[in-house]
Each structure stands twice: as structure tokens, then as C-alpha cells.
Amino acid sequence: MADAHPNISDLIIDCADPERLASFWGGLLGRPIARRKGPYVWLKRENGLGMGFQQVAEPKASKNRVYFDLASQDPAAEQRRVESLGGQRLKGYETGGFLVMADPEGNEFCIIPKDPFEFDDEGRTSYLSNQDLPPKRL
């Protein structure tokens, strides 16, 4: 009998400028732009998962309810790379201990270590050294 559960096929990000965000995320994830059609720009599909960007008229209004955790061997180096691509670190998350970044349109994502890390019952962690990773303003 076939599995009746659906699979996540694509992650779509609404945005003002799909070319700009596709370039940012494509550079960050090492995925080239694969297709463009109408209001959409898609990155190359990997491991069965597609990522696309849809142009919408309305601006981002508040904190994302869904976001990405990107695992890196060196979160500090990854922060610098994100900033070189046009992203930035978000201020206000320092007490939680997570490295919270934003893409050029303000969509939040975290950079976490590839190795397992601990967090407390309040959801705080300490994998960062705040001296090494100064907060940036959005």
C-alpha cells in the first residue's frame, strides 16, 4: 500500500523582488537559479526539495511564523558570509543565544552549529560567543 502522507515538495517565499532573494539564497545554499516563470524564480531542486520565490505586492509585516535553521560547522564564519551576500544579524535575540539572521527582505533564519548543542527549558542556548558575533541592526 502506498504511503498516504504528503511530502513537502517546495518551500516558497513571498517577496517583493524574487530575483534578488533567489540570488541571495542561491549564493548562501550553493543552489543556482533553475527556472523563472511569471512571478516565480526557483532554485535548483536538491534532495527532492525545491525552493522558490514568489513576487507579491504586500510587504513583509511581522516576524516569520516559519523559518529555516541552517547548520554550519562555523556559525561566525557563516554570519560573515550571510552579511557579504546582503543579509544581516537581527538585534534583540542575544539573550536566547541563537544567531538570528535576516535575508535582504527581512525574512528571519537561524544559523546553528552542525554538532548537537544544548538548550534549557526556556529555549535558551549558549553556542555563541557574543564577543565574536556582534549584533547588527536591521
Protein backbone atom coordinates (compact mmCIF):
# COMPACT_ATOMS: atom_id res chain seq x y z
CA MET A 1 0.00 0.00 0.00
CA ALA A 2 1.34 3.45 -0.90
CA ASP A 3 2.18 5.96 1.81
CA ALA A 4 -0.86 8.23 2.16
CA HIS A 5 1.08 11.05 3.83
CA PRO A 6 2.05 14.08 1.74
CA ASN A 7 5.66 15.18 1.30
CA ILE A 8 6.97 18.72 1.35
CA SER A 9 7.78 19.43 -2.28
CA ASP A 10 8.71 23.11 -2.31
CA LEU A 11 9.36 25.94 0.11
CA ILE A 12 8.04 29.19 -1.36
CA ILE A 13 8.99 32.61 -0.01
CA ASP A 14 6.74 35.56 -0.82
CA CYS A 15 8.82 38.62 -1.64
CA ALA A 16 8.97 41.95 -3.47
CA ASP A 17 11.99 41.04 -5.60
CA PRO A 18 12.25 37.31 -6.39
CA GLU A 19 15.45 37.72 -8.45
CA ARG A 20 17.22 39.42 -5.54
CA LEU A 21 16.14 36.84 -2.97
CA ALA A 22 16.85 33.92 -5.31
CA SER A 23 20.36 35.30 -5.80
CA PHE A 24 20.84 35.69 -2.02
CA TRP A 25 19.53 32.24 -1.08
CA GLY A 26 21.14 30.59 -4.11
CA GLY A 27 24.52 32.03 -3.10
CA LEU A 28 24.02 31.08 0.53
CA LEU A 29 22.90 27.50 -0.14
CA GLY A 30 25.04 26.85 -3.22
CA ARG A 31 21.97 26.31 -5.43
CA PRO A 32 21.85 28.03 -8.83
CA ILE A 33 18.67 29.54 -10.22
CA ALA A 34 16.97 26.80 -12.23
CA ARG A 35 13.79 28.40 -13.59
CA ARG A 36 11.84 31.58 -13.96
CA LYS A 37 8.19 31.87 -14.91
CA GLY A 38 5.68 34.61 -14.22
CA PRO A 39 6.07 35.84 -10.64
CA TYR A 40 8.29 32.86 -9.66
CA VAL A 41 12.01 32.16 -9.54
CA TRP A 42 13.12 28.66 -8.47
CA LEU A 43 16.47 27.39 -7.27
CA LYS A 44 17.84 24.01 -8.31
CA ARG A 45 15.97 21.20 -6.57
CA GLU A 46 18.16 19.19 -4.17
CA ASN A 47 17.35 16.07 -2.18
CA GLY A 48 13.80 16.27 -3.54
CA LEU A 49 13.17 19.71 -2.06
CA GLY A 50 12.54 22.77 -4.21
CA MET A 51 12.86 26.40 -3.12
CA GLY A 52 11.08 29.21 -4.90
CA PHE A 53 10.41 32.90 -4.61
CA GLN A 54 7.05 34.43 -5.50
CA GLN A 55 6.63 38.12 -6.19
CA VAL A 56 3.80 39.63 -4.14
CA ALA A 57 2.62 43.21 -3.78
CA GLU A 58 2.29 43.35 0.00
CA PRO A 59 5.44 43.85 2.15
CA LYS A 60 6.53 41.57 4.98
CA ALA A 61 4.55 42.73 8.02
CA SER A 62 5.86 40.88 11.09
CA LYS A 63 8.04 38.06 12.45
CA ASN A 64 8.05 34.87 10.36
CA ARG A 65 5.96 32.04 11.77
CA VAL A 66 8.10 29.52 9.84
CA TYR A 67 11.84 29.91 9.39
CA PHE A 68 14.94 27.95 8.42
CA ASP A 69 17.66 26.64 10.73
CA LEU A 70 20.87 26.45 8.69
CA ALA A 71 23.53 24.18 10.20
CA SER A 72 27.17 25.27 9.87
CA GLN A 73 30.49 23.99 11.20
CA ASP A 74 31.44 27.64 11.88
CA PRO A 75 28.44 29.89 12.65
CA ALA A 76 30.65 33.01 12.98
CA ALA A 77 32.12 32.48 9.51
CA GLU A 78 28.64 31.80 8.13
CA GLN A 79 27.39 35.06 9.66
CA ARG A 80 30.11 36.96 7.78
CA ARG A 81 29.19 35.17 4.56
CA VAL A 82 25.48 35.97 5.01
CA GLU A 83 26.38 39.63 5.55
CA SER A 84 28.57 39.65 2.43
CA LEU A 85 25.57 38.39 0.43
CA GLY A 86 23.32 41.19 1.74
CA GLY A 87 21.80 39.63 4.87
CA GLN A 88 22.27 40.81 8.43
CA ARG A 89 22.11 39.73 12.06
CA LEU A 90 18.96 40.72 13.89
CA LYS A 91 19.16 42.57 17.16
CA GLY A 92 17.04 41.51 20.13
CA TYR A 93 17.73 37.78 20.20
CA GLU A 94 21.03 37.90 22.13
CA THR A 95 19.57 36.61 25.43
CA GLY A 96 18.34 33.45 23.71
CA GLY A 97 21.83 32.62 22.50
CA PHE A 98 20.79 31.89 18.91
CA LEU A 99 22.34 33.51 15.84
CA VAL A 100 19.24 35.00 14.18
CA MET A 101 19.81 36.47 10.74
CA ALA A 102 17.62 38.07 8.07
CA ASP A 103 17.74 37.93 4.29
CA PRO A 104 17.65 41.19 2.27
CA GLU A 105 13.86 41.44 2.65
CA GLY A 106 13.88 40.76 6.40
CA ASN A 107 12.89 37.06 6.42
CA GLU A 108 14.38 35.54 9.57
CA PHE A 109 16.51 32.40 9.77
CA CYS A 110 18.94 30.95 12.31
CA ILE A 111 22.47 29.69 11.89
CA ILE A 112 23.07 26.81 14.27
CA PRO A 113 26.09 24.52 14.78
CA LYS A 114 26.17 21.23 12.85
CA ASP A 115 27.17 19.45 16.04
CA PRO A 116 24.47 18.85 18.66
CA PHE A 117 24.06 21.65 21.19
CA GLU A 118 22.08 22.01 24.40
CA PHE A 119 19.33 24.43 25.30
CA ASP A 120 17.48 24.96 28.58
CA ASP A 121 13.79 24.62 29.46
CA GLU A 122 13.26 28.26 28.43
CA GLY A 123 14.68 27.55 24.96
CA ARG A 124 17.96 29.44 25.54
CA THR A 125 21.33 28.18 24.39
CA SER A 126 24.96 29.29 24.58
CA TYR A 127 26.67 28.05 21.42
CA LEU A 128 27.66 31.62 20.55
CA SER A 129 30.32 33.90 21.90
CA ASN A 130 28.68 37.34 21.80
CA GLN A 131 32.11 38.97 21.64
CA ASP A 132 32.78 37.17 18.34
CA LEU A 133 29.35 37.87 16.87
CA PRO A 134 28.30 41.49 17.45
CA PRO A 135 24.62 42.15 16.73
CA LYS A 136 23.67 44.05 13.60
CA ARG A 137 20.70 46.35 13.23
CA LEU A 138 18.01 45.76 10.62
